[in-house]
Amino acid sequence: MDLEGRAARVLINVDGISEYSHVSVEVLDEQFNPLVGYTKDVFIGPRASGLRQPVQWRDRDLIEPVNGRVRIRASLEGIRPEDVRLYAIYLETAR
């Protein structure tokens, strides 16, 4: 996706988040390389199921403007990743 030089917020519709299952979201460049600050090792959450749950990384909740296109990768993780249901990923550009 091309953010056209704008910052964007990532929101997800997810169900089944628990102490045994969760989702992680990363932002990648066009060649599938993770962008610094948006990797799953600094991913915070959402920590609950719901609609339009905001995604956060350790020190940011927006994808800062980048040159070129980005990709979003979501991973279902934990002891019981099969319990997680990811229904939608939204990008909401900042104005």
N, C-alpha and C. Protein backbone atom coordinates (compact mmCIF):
# COMPACT_ATOMS: atom_id res chain seq x y z
N MET A 1 0.83 -1.16 0.00
CA MET A 1 0.00 0.00 0.00
C MET A 1 0.88 1.23 0.00
N ASP A 2 0.47 2.21 -0.73
CA ASP A 2 1.19 3.48 -0.77
C ASP A 2 0.46 4.47 0.13
N LEU A 3 1.11 4.90 1.18
CA LEU A 3 0.50 5.85 2.11
C LEU A 3 0.61 7.29 1.62
N GLU A 4 1.26 7.48 0.48
CA GLU A 4 1.39 8.79 -0.16
C GLU A 4 1.95 9.84 0.80
N GLY A 5 2.95 9.45 1.59
CA GLY A 5 3.63 10.39 2.48
C GLY A 5 2.87 10.77 3.73
N ARG A 6 1.79 10.04 4.04
CA ARG A 6 1.01 10.36 5.23
C ARG A 6 1.22 9.29 6.30
N ALA A 7 1.02 9.69 7.54
CA ALA A 7 1.05 8.75 8.65
C ALA A 7 -0.26 7.97 8.64
N ALA A 8 -0.24 6.76 9.20
CA ALA A 8 -1.46 5.94 9.22
C ALA A 8 -1.54 5.13 10.51
N ARG A 9 -2.76 4.90 10.93
CA ARG A 9 -3.04 4.07 12.09
C ARG A 9 -3.53 2.71 11.58
N VAL A 10 -3.12 1.63 12.25
CA VAL A 10 -3.56 0.29 11.90
C VAL A 10 -4.60 -0.14 12.93
N LEU A 11 -5.74 -0.63 12.45
CA LEU A 11 -6.81 -1.13 13.29
C LEU A 11 -7.17 -2.53 12.81
N ILE A 12 -7.56 -3.41 13.74
CA ILE A 12 -7.93 -4.76 13.33
C ILE A 12 -9.24 -5.18 13.99
N ASN A 13 -9.97 -6.04 13.30
CA ASN A 13 -11.11 -6.74 13.87
C ASN A 13 -10.61 -8.13 14.22
N VAL A 14 -10.65 -8.48 15.50
CA VAL A 14 -10.05 -9.73 15.96
C VAL A 14 -10.89 -10.32 17.10
N ASP A 15 -10.90 -11.64 17.16
CA ASP A 15 -11.60 -12.35 18.22
C ASP A 15 -10.71 -13.49 18.71
N GLY A 16 -10.89 -13.89 19.95
CA GLY A 16 -10.15 -15.03 20.48
C GLY A 16 -8.85 -14.68 21.18
N ILE A 17 -8.61 -13.40 21.44
CA ILE A 17 -7.40 -12.99 22.17
C ILE A 17 -7.53 -13.47 23.62
N SER A 18 -6.50 -14.12 24.12
CA SER A 18 -6.50 -14.60 25.50
C SER A 18 -5.05 -14.69 25.98
N GLU A 19 -4.88 -15.21 27.19
CA GLU A 19 -3.52 -15.40 27.69
C GLU A 19 -2.78 -16.48 26.90
N TYR A 20 -3.51 -17.29 26.13
CA TYR A 20 -2.91 -18.38 25.37
C TYR A 20 -2.83 -18.12 23.87
N SER A 21 -3.45 -17.06 23.40
CA SER A 21 -3.45 -16.77 21.97
C SER A 21 -3.51 -15.27 21.74
N HIS A 22 -2.75 -14.83 20.73
CA HIS A 22 -2.73 -13.40 20.41
C HIS A 22 -2.34 -13.21 18.95
N VAL A 23 -2.38 -11.98 18.52
CA VAL A 23 -2.00 -11.63 17.16
C VAL A 23 -0.87 -10.62 17.25
N SER A 24 0.04 -10.64 16.30
CA SER A 24 1.07 -9.60 16.19
C SER A 24 1.00 -9.02 14.79
N VAL A 25 1.35 -7.75 14.68
CA VAL A 25 1.29 -7.04 13.41
C VAL A 25 2.63 -6.36 13.18
N GLU A 26 3.15 -6.52 11.96
CA GLU A 26 4.41 -5.88 11.56
C GLU A 26 4.16 -5.04 10.32
N VAL A 27 4.98 -4.02 10.15
CA VAL A 27 4.97 -3.22 8.93
C VAL A 27 6.26 -3.54 8.18
N LEU A 28 6.11 -3.88 6.91
CA LEU A 28 7.23 -4.28 6.07
C LEU A 28 7.38 -3.33 4.90
N ASP A 29 8.59 -3.30 4.32
CA ASP A 29 8.75 -2.56 3.07
C ASP A 29 8.28 -3.44 1.92
N GLU A 30 8.41 -2.95 0.72
CA GLU A 30 7.91 -3.68 -0.45
C GLU A 30 8.63 -5.01 -0.68
N GLN A 31 9.86 -5.13 -0.17
CA GLN A 31 10.62 -6.37 -0.33
C GLN A 31 10.45 -7.30 0.88
N PHE A 32 9.44 -7.06 1.71
CA PHE A 32 9.12 -7.89 2.87
C PHE A 32 10.13 -7.77 4.00
N ASN A 33 10.91 -6.69 4.05
CA ASN A 33 11.83 -6.45 5.17
C ASN A 33 11.09 -5.65 6.23
N PRO A 34 11.13 -6.10 7.50
CA PRO A 34 10.45 -5.36 8.57
C PRO A 34 11.05 -3.96 8.73
N LEU A 35 10.19 -2.97 8.94
CA LEU A 35 10.64 -1.62 9.20
C LEU A 35 10.99 -1.50 10.69
N VAL A 36 12.10 -0.84 10.97
CA VAL A 36 12.55 -0.65 12.35
C VAL A 36 11.46 0.08 13.14
N GLY A 37 11.15 -0.45 14.31
CA GLY A 37 10.14 0.14 15.17
C GLY A 37 8.75 -0.42 14.96
N TYR A 38 8.60 -1.29 13.95
CA TYR A 38 7.28 -1.87 13.64
C TYR A 38 7.37 -3.39 13.53
N THR A 39 8.25 -4.00 14.29
CA THR A 39 8.43 -5.45 14.25
C THR A 39 7.63 -6.11 15.38
N LYS A 40 7.48 -7.42 15.29
CA LYS A 40 6.67 -8.09 16.30
C LYS A 40 7.36 -8.15 17.66
N ASP A 41 8.68 -7.96 17.72
CA ASP A 41 9.34 -7.95 19.03
C ASP A 41 9.05 -6.68 19.82
N VAL A 42 8.54 -5.62 19.18
CA VAL A 42 8.14 -4.40 19.89
C VAL A 42 6.63 -4.17 19.81
N PHE A 43 5.91 -5.16 19.29
CA PHE A 43 4.46 -5.07 19.17
C PHE A 43 3.83 -5.18 20.55
N ILE A 44 2.86 -4.32 20.83
CA ILE A 44 2.17 -4.32 22.13
C ILE A 44 0.76 -4.88 22.02
N GLY A 45 0.05 -4.56 21.00
CA GLY A 45 -1.28 -5.13 20.96
C GLY A 45 -2.23 -4.43 20.04
N PRO A 46 -3.39 -5.00 19.97
CA PRO A 46 -4.36 -4.99 21.06
C PRO A 46 -4.24 -6.22 21.94
N ARG A 47 -4.68 -6.06 23.16
CA ARG A 47 -4.67 -7.15 24.13
C ARG A 47 -6.07 -7.70 24.38
N ALA A 48 -7.05 -7.24 23.60
CA ALA A 48 -8.43 -7.70 23.76
C ALA A 48 -9.07 -7.88 22.39
N SER A 49 -10.09 -8.71 22.35
CA SER A 49 -10.86 -8.92 21.13
C SER A 49 -11.78 -7.72 20.90
N GLY A 50 -12.17 -7.51 19.65
CA GLY A 50 -13.12 -6.45 19.35
C GLY A 50 -12.99 -5.93 17.95
N LEU A 51 -13.86 -5.00 17.62
CA LEU A 51 -13.86 -4.35 16.32
C LEU A 51 -12.99 -3.10 16.37
N ARG A 52 -12.26 -2.86 15.28
CA ARG A 52 -11.44 -1.66 15.13
C ARG A 52 -10.51 -1.44 16.34
N GLN A 53 -9.85 -2.51 16.75
CA GLN A 53 -8.90 -2.44 17.85
C GLN A 53 -7.61 -1.80 17.34
N PRO A 54 -7.14 -0.73 17.99
CA PRO A 54 -5.90 -0.08 17.52
C PRO A 54 -4.67 -0.92 17.79
N VAL A 55 -3.77 -0.92 16.83
CA VAL A 55 -2.50 -1.63 16.92
C VAL A 55 -1.45 -0.66 17.45
N GLN A 56 -0.59 -1.15 18.35
CA GLN A 56 0.48 -0.32 18.90
C GLN A 56 1.78 -1.09 18.95
N TRP A 57 2.84 -0.35 18.77
CA TRP A 57 4.19 -0.87 18.98
C TRP A 57 4.74 -0.12 20.17
N ARG A 58 5.88 -0.52 20.68
CA ARG A 58 6.41 0.00 21.95
C ARG A 58 6.31 1.52 22.08
N ASP A 59 6.80 2.25 21.14
CA ASP A 59 6.82 3.71 21.28
C ASP A 59 6.03 4.44 20.21
N ARG A 60 5.10 3.76 19.56
CA ARG A 60 4.32 4.41 18.52
C ARG A 60 2.99 3.72 18.27
N ASP A 61 2.04 4.51 17.85
CA ASP A 61 0.74 3.96 17.48
C ASP A 61 0.35 4.36 16.06
N LEU A 62 1.26 5.03 15.37
CA LEU A 62 1.06 5.40 13.96
C LEU A 62 2.23 4.90 13.14
N ILE A 63 1.94 4.56 11.90
CA ILE A 63 3.03 4.32 10.95
C ILE A 63 3.44 5.70 10.45
N GLU A 64 4.67 6.07 10.72
CA GLU A 64 5.16 7.38 10.28
C GLU A 64 5.28 7.39 8.76
N PRO A 65 5.20 8.56 8.15
CA PRO A 65 5.33 8.63 6.68
C PRO A 65 6.63 7.97 6.21
N VAL A 66 6.52 7.14 5.20
CA VAL A 66 7.67 6.44 4.63
C VAL A 66 7.69 6.65 3.12
N ASN A 67 8.87 6.52 2.55
CA ASN A 67 8.99 6.58 1.10
C ASN A 67 8.68 5.20 0.54
N GLY A 68 7.85 5.14 -0.45
CA GLY A 68 7.51 3.87 -1.07
C GLY A 68 6.32 3.21 -0.41
N ARG A 69 6.09 2.00 -0.85
CA ARG A 69 4.94 1.24 -0.38
C ARG A 69 5.29 0.43 0.86
N VAL A 70 4.26 0.10 1.63
CA VAL A 70 4.42 -0.74 2.81
C VAL A 70 3.49 -1.94 2.69
N ARG A 71 3.83 -2.98 3.44
CA ARG A 71 3.00 -4.17 3.55
C ARG A 71 2.72 -4.38 5.04
N ILE A 72 1.58 -4.98 5.32
CA ILE A 72 1.22 -5.31 6.69
C ILE A 72 1.21 -6.83 6.81
N ARG A 73 1.91 -7.35 7.84
CA ARG A 73 1.91 -8.80 8.08
C ARG A 73 1.35 -9.05 9.48
N ALA A 74 0.31 -9.86 9.54
CA ALA A 74 -0.28 -10.25 10.82
C ALA A 74 0.02 -11.73 11.05
N SER A 75 0.37 -12.07 12.28
CA SER A 75 0.67 -13.46 12.64
C SER A 75 -0.19 -13.85 13.84
N LEU A 76 -0.76 -15.04 13.78
CA LEU A 76 -1.51 -15.59 14.90
C LEU A 76 -0.52 -16.40 15.73
N GLU A 77 -0.45 -16.11 17.03
CA GLU A 77 0.61 -16.67 17.86
C GLU A 77 0.11 -17.14 19.21
N GLY A 78 1.01 -17.70 19.99
CA GLY A 78 0.71 -18.17 21.34
C GLY A 78 0.62 -19.68 21.37
N ILE A 79 0.22 -20.20 22.51
CA ILE A 79 0.07 -21.64 22.70
C ILE A 79 -1.08 -22.17 21.85
N ARG A 80 -2.13 -21.36 21.69
CA ARG A 80 -3.31 -21.78 20.92
C ARG A 80 -3.64 -20.75 19.83
N PRO A 81 -2.77 -20.59 18.84
CA PRO A 81 -3.04 -19.60 17.79
C PRO A 81 -4.31 -19.91 17.00
N GLU A 82 -4.73 -21.16 17.00
CA GLU A 82 -5.94 -21.52 16.26
C GLU A 82 -7.21 -20.91 16.87
N ASP A 83 -7.12 -20.39 18.09
CA ASP A 83 -8.28 -19.75 18.72
C ASP A 83 -8.52 -18.33 18.21
N VAL A 84 -7.52 -17.71 17.61
CA VAL A 84 -7.63 -16.33 17.15
C VAL A 84 -8.31 -16.29 15.78
N ARG A 85 -9.21 -15.34 15.63
CA ARG A 85 -9.87 -15.09 14.35
C ARG A 85 -9.60 -13.64 13.97
N LEU A 86 -8.85 -13.45 12.91
CA LEU A 86 -8.57 -12.10 12.39
C LEU A 86 -9.48 -11.87 11.20
N TYR A 87 -10.37 -10.89 11.32
CA TYR A 87 -11.38 -10.66 10.30
C TYR A 87 -11.02 -9.53 9.34
N ALA A 88 -10.36 -8.50 9.82
CA ALA A 88 -10.05 -7.36 8.95
C ALA A 88 -8.88 -6.56 9.50
N ILE A 89 -8.13 -5.96 8.59
CA ILE A 89 -7.06 -5.01 8.93
C ILE A 89 -7.39 -3.72 8.20
N TYR A 90 -7.41 -2.62 8.92
CA TYR A 90 -7.70 -1.32 8.35
C TYR A 90 -6.49 -0.41 8.48
N LEU A 91 -6.29 0.44 7.49
CA LEU A 91 -5.33 1.53 7.59
C LEU A 91 -6.12 2.82 7.51
N GLU A 92 -5.94 3.65 8.52
CA GLU A 92 -6.64 4.93 8.60
C GLU A 92 -5.58 6.03 8.55
N THR A 93 -5.55 6.76 7.47
CA THR A 93 -4.51 7.79 7.34
C THR A 93 -4.81 8.98 8.23
N ALA A 94 -3.75 9.53 8.79
CA ALA A 94 -3.87 10.73 9.63
C ALA A 94 -4.03 11.94 8.74
N ARG A 95 -4.77 12.87 9.21
CA ARG A 95 -5.01 14.08 8.41
C ARG A 95 -4.09 15.19 8.77
